[in-house]
Amino acid sequence: MVAAFAAPFWRVAAAAAPFALAACIGAAVLAATGHDPLAVYRLMVEEAFGGQRRVAATLTAATPLLLTGLAAAIAFRAGIFNVGAEGCFYLGGLVAAVLGYVMAGWPSMLLIPIALGAAAIVGGVWLIGPALARTRLGVDEVVTTLMLNFIAVDITSWLVNGPLLARGSANSATLPIGAGAELPRLLPPTTLHLGFVISLALVALFGLWERLTAAGLRSQMVGLNPRFSRAVGIDVPATLLSMMIASGLIGGLAGAIHVLGLVHRFVAGFSPGYGFTGIAIAVLGRNSAIGIAVGAVLFGALSSAGATIQLFSDVPIEIVEILQGAVMIFAVAKFGAGRRRGAAPA
């Protein structure tokens, strides 16, 4: 009984520990540059969580990270190191943006699910190739998914600068989506939108799936020991293929939610690396639902606070980037040790 209650606590602690270590490094950098670390961190906490408006901004920043972290965790759990969520994010965002203005006259009850579903399908289809290359030919999925990220970014960049470019737009962007395609705001006039609830619900469903379903158990067994899984009759290639496609589905959905909920059009380079940050979040959370939620909110807090901290202090934005980089280093360092022992990310 005690162990059952202690497990979620240790998952939260494992997700928060790299942030604590990164804060120590950040404090040393701040002190070396003549800043008071405690004052700076107090300001960052206030900017991230000091009131409804600031909490809403933090949760808005965490929304895409919940899904890209989930996309990575689904693959990692099965022993697949998928780094292609960024490409799925771009493609899903573009598909949702196009449908959002082409079908602007449709009712929201139809338009939003169609846009979200189409974006998710495109993301899933995008990763079928790397999944088949891994299961049929033994090609390393890190290489294929990483290269596909560049291809996806270039394809969307060409489209948004060419046939999909909005006339008269100062930036490389599509036409804005129709009002009926926009996800409803949860706390007007803040930017927090329904996408946060959708993302959090999917993370919670993942937590139930991994613990309570046979498919979740099979995925974990394949990730831990593929040879034993084959011996007990599990179809390992099919499991790997389905988990890779599921990862792509979530990545494409993340891009669609970002467009429909916040950006309201597709802009070239509209992702500041959400797919790659999702990898760090999955690693931080040890592929658990609670860990993903905690990691996404903490990264969202860093992003939200970093965007406004320069208005109230002379602290450079690079300090926030140092903190984010240090968090990733600590998380990946521990993950790397696990892979050297031959274990799948868990």
Protein backbone atom coordinates (compact mmCIF):
# COMPACT_ATOMS: atom_id res chain seq x y z
CA MET A 1 0.00 0.00 0.00
CA VAL A 2 2.78 2.40 0.94
CA ALA A 3 4.66 1.56 -2.26
CA ALA A 4 1.55 2.32 -4.34
CA PHE A 5 1.30 5.81 -2.88
CA ALA A 6 5.06 6.39 -2.99
CA ALA A 7 5.44 5.60 -6.70
CA PRO A 8 3.79 8.82 -7.98
CA PHE A 9 5.86 10.86 -5.52
CA TRP A 10 9.11 9.40 -6.81
CA ARG A 11 8.05 10.04 -10.41
CA VAL A 12 7.46 13.69 -9.58
CA ALA A 13 10.77 13.86 -7.71
CA ALA A 14 12.62 12.26 -10.65
CA ALA A 15 11.12 14.81 -13.04
CA ALA A 16 11.93 17.75 -10.75
CA ALA A 17 15.50 16.72 -9.78
CA PRO A 18 17.19 17.85 -13.04
CA PHE A 19 15.50 21.25 -12.64
CA ALA A 20 16.96 21.56 -9.15
CA LEU A 21 20.45 20.69 -10.42
CA ALA A 22 20.04 23.09 -13.34
CA ALA A 23 18.97 25.81 -10.90
CA CYS A 24 22.27 25.36 -9.05
CA ILE A 25 24.21 25.85 -12.29
CA GLY A 26 22.06 28.84 -13.19
CA ALA A 27 22.68 30.33 -9.75
CA ALA A 28 26.42 30.02 -10.24
CA VAL A 29 26.18 31.73 -13.65
CA LEU A 30 24.01 34.51 -12.23
CA ALA A 31 26.35 35.10 -9.30
CA ALA A 32 29.36 35.16 -11.63
CA THR A 33 27.68 37.83 -13.78
CA GLY A 34 26.76 40.04 -10.83
CA HIS A 35 23.10 39.07 -10.34
CA ASP A 36 21.36 37.93 -7.19
CA PRO A 37 20.26 34.32 -7.91
CA LEU A 38 17.51 34.31 -5.30
CA ALA A 39 16.03 37.57 -6.58
CA VAL A 40 16.10 36.36 -10.17
CA TYR A 41 14.51 33.02 -9.34
CA ARG A 42 11.86 34.73 -7.22
CA LEU A 43 11.02 36.95 -10.18
CA MET A 44 10.85 33.94 -12.50
CA VAL A 45 8.46 32.12 -10.16
CA GLU A 46 6.27 35.21 -9.90
CA GLU A 47 6.20 35.60 -13.68
CA ALA A 48 5.32 31.93 -14.17
CA PHE A 49 2.81 31.36 -11.36
CA GLY A 50 1.98 34.74 -9.78
CA GLY A 51 -1.71 35.07 -10.53
CA GLN A 52 -4.33 33.73 -12.92
CA ARG A 53 -3.00 35.49 -16.01
CA ARG A 54 0.54 34.24 -15.47
CA VAL A 55 -0.53 30.68 -14.64
CA ALA A 56 -2.64 30.69 -17.81
CA ALA A 57 0.40 31.79 -19.82
CA THR A 58 2.47 28.99 -18.29
CA LEU A 59 -0.17 26.36 -19.07
CA THR A 60 -0.51 27.71 -22.60
CA ALA A 61 3.25 27.30 -23.09
CA ALA A 62 3.03 23.79 -21.63
CA THR A 63 0.22 22.65 -23.96
CA PRO A 64 2.29 21.64 -27.02
CA LEU A 65 4.94 20.17 -24.72
CA LEU A 66 2.42 17.83 -23.11
CA LEU A 67 1.76 16.24 -26.49
CA THR A 68 5.30 16.21 -27.88
CA GLY A 69 6.45 14.70 -24.59
CA LEU A 70 3.69 12.11 -24.89
CA ALA A 71 4.65 11.39 -28.51
CA ALA A 72 8.21 10.69 -27.45
CA ALA A 73 7.21 8.62 -24.42
CA ILE A 74 4.94 6.30 -26.42
CA ALA A 75 7.83 5.39 -28.69
CA PHE A 76 10.47 5.26 -25.94
CA ARG A 77 8.33 2.87 -23.92
CA ALA A 78 8.48 0.35 -26.76
CA GLY A 79 12.24 0.77 -27.15
CA ILE A 80 12.05 3.10 -30.16
CA PHE A 81 14.09 6.29 -29.97
CA ASN A 82 11.85 8.44 -32.15
CA VAL A 83 13.12 12.00 -32.64
CA GLY A 84 10.66 12.78 -35.43
CA ALA A 85 7.90 14.52 -33.45
CA GLU A 86 9.15 17.90 -34.66
CA GLY A 87 8.45 17.03 -38.29
CA CYS A 88 5.00 15.66 -37.41
CA PHE A 89 4.33 18.87 -35.48
CA TYR A 90 5.08 20.99 -38.55
CA LEU A 91 3.02 18.87 -40.94
CA GLY A 92 0.07 18.61 -38.57
CA GLY A 93 0.11 22.35 -38.01
CA LEU A 94 0.11 23.08 -41.74
CA VAL A 95 -2.73 20.65 -42.45
CA ALA A 96 -4.87 22.12 -39.67
CA ALA A 97 -4.16 25.67 -40.83
CA VAL A 98 -5.14 24.90 -44.44
CA LEU A 99 -8.36 23.15 -43.42
CA GLY A 100 -9.05 25.95 -40.95
CA TYR A 101 -9.34 28.55 -43.69
CA VAL A 102 -10.50 26.38 -46.62
CA MET A 103 -13.44 25.06 -44.56
CA ALA A 104 -14.03 28.30 -42.68
CA GLY A 105 -17.76 28.21 -43.37
CA TRP A 106 -18.27 24.84 -41.70
CA PRO A 107 -19.69 24.64 -38.15
CA SER A 108 -17.12 24.36 -35.38
CA MET A 109 -18.48 21.00 -34.20
CA LEU A 110 -17.44 19.50 -37.52
CA LEU A 111 -14.51 21.65 -38.55
CA ILE A 112 -12.40 21.33 -35.42
CA PRO A 113 -12.57 17.49 -35.17
CA ILE A 114 -11.88 17.16 -38.91
CA ALA A 115 -8.85 19.47 -38.72
CA LEU A 116 -7.48 17.73 -35.63
CA GLY A 117 -8.11 14.27 -37.07
CA ALA A 118 -6.56 15.05 -40.45
CA ALA A 119 -3.45 16.54 -38.81
CA ALA A 120 -3.05 13.48 -36.59
CA ILE A 121 -3.39 11.12 -39.57
CA VAL A 122 -0.74 13.01 -41.52
CA GLY A 123 1.62 12.78 -38.54
CA GLY A 124 1.04 9.04 -38.22
CA VAL A 125 1.50 8.37 -41.92
CA TRP A 126 4.72 10.41 -41.90
CA LEU A 127 6.36 7.91 -39.54
CA ILE A 128 5.27 4.72 -41.29
CA GLY A 129 8.41 4.77 -43.44
CA PRO A 130 10.88 4.95 -40.51
CA ALA A 131 8.84 2.32 -38.66
CA LEU A 132 9.00 -0.12 -41.59
CA ALA A 133 12.70 0.63 -42.11
CA ARG A 134 13.33 -0.26 -38.45
CA THR A 135 11.18 -3.39 -38.32
CA ARG A 136 11.92 -4.83 -41.80
CA LEU A 137 15.45 -3.61 -42.55
CA GLY A 138 16.94 -2.86 -39.14
CA VAL A 139 17.59 0.79 -40.04
CA ASP A 140 18.26 3.00 -37.00
CA GLU A 141 15.16 5.11 -36.40
CA VAL A 142 17.20 7.95 -34.93
CA VAL A 143 18.74 8.63 -38.33
CA THR A 144 15.55 8.29 -40.37
CA THR A 145 13.30 10.33 -38.07
CA LEU A 146 15.92 13.04 -37.64
CA MET A 147 16.35 13.41 -41.40
CA LEU A 148 12.59 13.44 -41.89
CA ASN A 149 12.39 16.42 -39.54
CA PHE A 150 14.48 18.47 -41.98
CA ILE A 151 12.37 17.28 -44.90
CA ALA A 152 9.11 18.19 -43.14
CA VAL A 153 10.37 21.65 -42.20
CA ASP A 154 11.59 22.28 -45.74
CA ILE A 155 8.34 21.07 -47.32
CA THR A 156 6.21 23.28 -45.10
CA SER A 157 8.57 26.22 -45.60
CA TRP A 158 8.32 25.86 -49.40
CA LEU A 159 4.53 25.64 -49.27
CA VAL A 160 4.07 28.60 -46.95
CA ASN A 161 6.45 30.70 -49.05
CA GLY A 162 4.86 29.57 -52.31
CA PRO A 163 1.39 28.26 -53.10
CA LEU A 164 0.01 28.73 -49.56
CA LEU A 165 1.48 32.18 -48.91
CA ALA A 166 -1.13 34.74 -47.85
CA ARG A 167 -1.10 37.73 -50.15
CA GLY A 168 0.08 40.90 -48.49
CA SER A 169 1.44 39.01 -45.47
CA ALA A 170 4.54 40.55 -43.94
CA ASN A 171 5.67 37.11 -42.81
CA SER A 172 5.77 33.71 -44.49
CA ALA A 173 2.32 32.62 -43.34
CA THR A 174 -0.91 31.11 -44.55
CA LEU A 175 -4.26 32.86 -44.42
CA PRO A 176 -5.74 33.02 -40.90
CA ILE A 177 -8.12 30.22 -39.98
CA GLY A 178 -11.83 30.94 -39.68
CA ALA A 179 -13.32 31.84 -36.33
CA GLY A 180 -15.16 28.52 -36.30
CA ALA A 181 -11.84 26.64 -36.40
CA GLU A 182 -10.41 28.34 -33.33
CA LEU A 183 -10.33 26.33 -30.13
CA PRO A 184 -12.38 28.04 -27.39
CA ARG A 185 -10.57 30.06 -24.74
CA LEU A 186 -10.83 28.71 -21.20
CA LEU A 187 -10.01 31.91 -19.28
CA PRO A 188 -10.64 34.91 -21.53
CA PRO A 189 -8.88 37.20 -22.16
CA THR A 190 -5.87 34.92 -21.48
CA THR A 191 -4.46 32.69 -24.20
CA LEU A 192 -5.28 29.43 -22.38
CA HIS A 193 -7.47 27.37 -24.69
CA LEU A 194 -9.28 24.04 -24.92
CA GLY A 195 -6.16 22.42 -26.34
CA PHE A 196 -4.69 22.29 -22.84
CA VAL A 197 -7.59 20.17 -21.60
CA ILE A 198 -7.35 17.89 -24.65
CA SER A 199 -3.60 17.48 -24.17
CA LEU A 200 -3.86 16.80 -20.44
CA ALA A 201 -6.66 14.30 -21.02
CA LEU A 202 -4.56 12.40 -23.55
CA VAL A 203 -1.66 12.24 -21.10
CA ALA A 204 -4.03 10.90 -18.44
CA LEU A 205 -5.42 8.31 -20.87
CA PHE A 206 -1.85 7.26 -21.64
CA GLY A 207 -1.30 6.70 -17.92
CA LEU A 208 -4.35 4.42 -17.77
CA TRP A 209 -3.39 2.66 -20.99
CA GLU A 210 0.12 1.82 -19.87
CA ARG A 211 -1.06 0.41 -16.55
CA LEU A 212 -4.40 -1.21 -17.23
CA THR A 213 -4.36 -2.60 -20.77
CA ALA A 214 -2.78 -5.63 -22.39
CA ALA A 215 -1.44 -3.44 -25.21
CA GLY A 216 0.31 -1.22 -22.68
CA LEU A 217 1.93 -4.24 -21.04
CA ARG A 218 3.02 -5.64 -24.43
CA SER A 219 4.60 -2.32 -25.34
CA GLN A 220 6.56 -2.23 -22.10
CA MET A 221 7.71 -5.82 -22.48
CA VAL A 222 8.92 -5.20 -26.03
CA GLY A 223 10.84 -2.15 -24.85
CA LEU A 224 12.45 -4.01 -21.96
CA ASN A 225 13.27 -7.30 -23.69
CA PRO A 226 12.37 -7.88 -27.37
CA ARG A 227 13.85 -11.40 -27.38
CA PHE A 228 11.75 -12.53 -24.42
CA SER A 229 8.69 -10.86 -25.97
CA ARG A 230 9.12 -12.93 -29.12
CA ALA A 231 9.52 -16.07 -27.03
CA VAL A 232 6.17 -15.52 -25.30
CA GLY A 233 4.38 -14.92 -28.59
CA ILE A 234 4.27 -11.12 -28.86
CA ASP A 235 4.46 -9.78 -32.41
CA VAL A 236 7.39 -7.42 -31.87
CA PRO A 237 7.46 -5.81 -35.36
CA ALA A 238 3.71 -5.10 -35.20
CA THR A 239 4.08 -3.57 -31.75
CA LEU A 240 6.96 -1.35 -32.85
CA LEU A 241 5.06 -0.28 -35.96
CA SER A 242 1.90 0.59 -34.03
CA MET A 243 3.79 2.54 -31.38
CA MET A 244 5.72 4.53 -33.97
CA ILE A 245 2.51 5.41 -35.80
CA ALA A 246 0.83 6.35 -32.51
CA SER A 247 3.77 8.63 -31.76
CA GLY A 248 3.32 10.31 -35.13
CA LEU A 249 -0.42 10.70 -34.58
CA ILE A 250 0.18 12.54 -31.31
CA GLY A 251 2.89 14.71 -32.88
CA GLY A 252 0.61 15.76 -35.73
CA LEU A 253 -2.21 16.47 -33.29
CA ALA A 254 0.12 18.66 -31.25
CA GLY A 255 0.83 20.85 -34.27
CA ALA A 256 -2.88 21.16 -35.04
CA ILE A 257 -3.75 22.19 -31.50
CA HIS A 258 -0.98 24.79 -31.54
CA VAL A 259 -2.40 26.29 -34.73
CA LEU A 260 -6.09 26.13 -33.86
CA GLY A 261 -5.62 27.17 -30.26
CA LEU A 262 -2.92 29.83 -30.30
CA VAL A 263 -1.30 30.83 -33.61
CA HIS A 264 -4.47 30.69 -35.78
CA ARG A 265 -2.40 30.30 -38.96
CA PHE A 266 0.71 28.45 -40.03
CA VAL A 267 3.91 30.49 -39.98
CA ALA A 268 7.26 29.26 -41.29
CA GLY A 269 9.38 28.20 -38.32
CA PHE A 270 6.40 28.31 -35.96
CA SER A 271 7.92 25.67 -33.67
CA PRO A 272 10.83 26.75 -31.45
CA GLY A 273 11.79 23.08 -31.10
CA TYR A 274 8.74 21.67 -29.33
CA GLY A 275 9.44 18.20 -30.71
CA PHE A 276 12.97 18.13 -29.34
CA THR A 277 11.92 19.58 -25.99
CA GLY A 278 9.34 16.81 -25.83
CA ILE A 279 12.18 14.28 -25.89
CA ALA A 280 13.68 15.87 -22.78
CA ILE A 281 10.26 15.90 -21.09
CA ALA A 282 9.69 12.20 -21.81
CA VAL A 283 13.12 11.38 -20.44
CA LEU A 284 12.55 13.57 -17.37
CA GLY A 285 9.21 11.92 -16.71
CA ARG A 286 10.60 8.40 -17.22
CA ASN A 287 7.81 7.92 -19.79
CA SER A 288 5.14 8.18 -17.09
CA ALA A 289 2.00 10.30 -17.37
CA ILE A 290 2.68 12.16 -14.12
CA GLY A 291 6.29 12.82 -15.08
CA ILE A 292 5.29 14.14 -18.51
CA ALA A 293 2.74 16.51 -16.97
CA VAL A 294 5.23 17.83 -14.41
CA GLY A 295 8.03 18.21 -16.93
CA ALA A 296 5.79 20.00 -19.46
CA VAL A 297 4.55 22.49 -16.87
CA LEU A 298 8.07 23.19 -15.61
CA PHE A 299 9.38 23.75 -19.13
CA GLY A 300 6.31 25.86 -19.84
CA ALA A 301 7.10 27.94 -16.76
CA LEU A 302 10.66 28.52 -17.95
CA SER A 303 9.41 29.56 -21.37
CA SER A 304 6.69 31.83 -20.03
CA ALA A 305 8.90 33.49 -17.42
CA GLY A 306 11.80 33.89 -19.85
CA ALA A 307 9.58 35.76 -22.30
CA THR A 308 8.74 38.48 -19.75
CA ILE A 309 11.64 38.54 -17.32
CA GLN A 310 13.65 40.91 -19.48
CA LEU A 311 10.92 43.54 -19.06
CA PHE A 312 11.52 43.72 -15.32
CA SER A 313 15.24 43.07 -14.98
CA ASP A 314 18.53 43.20 -16.82
CA VAL A 315 18.83 39.40 -16.77
CA PRO A 316 19.55 38.17 -20.32
CA ILE A 317 17.23 35.64 -21.92
CA GLU A 318 20.27 33.40 -22.35
CA ILE A 319 20.03 32.55 -18.65
CA VAL A 320 16.72 30.82 -19.29
CA GLU A 321 18.25 28.97 -22.23
CA ILE A 322 21.14 27.88 -20.01
CA LEU A 323 18.64 26.49 -17.50
CA GLN A 324 16.76 24.61 -20.21
CA GLY A 325 19.98 23.21 -21.65
CA ALA A 326 21.23 22.12 -18.23
CA VAL A 327 17.95 20.35 -17.51
CA MET A 328 18.24 18.43 -20.78
CA ILE A 329 21.86 17.51 -20.07
CA PHE A 330 21.05 16.04 -16.66
CA ALA A 331 18.02 14.17 -17.97
CA VAL A 332 19.74 12.75 -21.05
CA ALA A 333 22.87 11.86 -19.09
CA LYS A 334 20.85 9.54 -16.88
CA PHE A 335 18.97 8.21 -19.90
CA GLY A 336 22.23 7.55 -21.71
CA ALA A 337 23.45 5.45 -18.82
CA GLY A 338 20.30 3.33 -19.14
CA ARG A 339 20.89 2.76 -22.86
CA ARG A 340 24.51 1.74 -22.28
CA ARG A 341 23.21 -1.00 -20.03
CA GLY A 342 21.08 -2.19 -22.91
CA ALA A 343 17.77 -1.10 -21.42
CA ALA A 344 15.07 0.70 -23.32
CA PRO A 345 13.96 4.11 -22.08
CA ALA A 346 11.70 3.54 -19.14
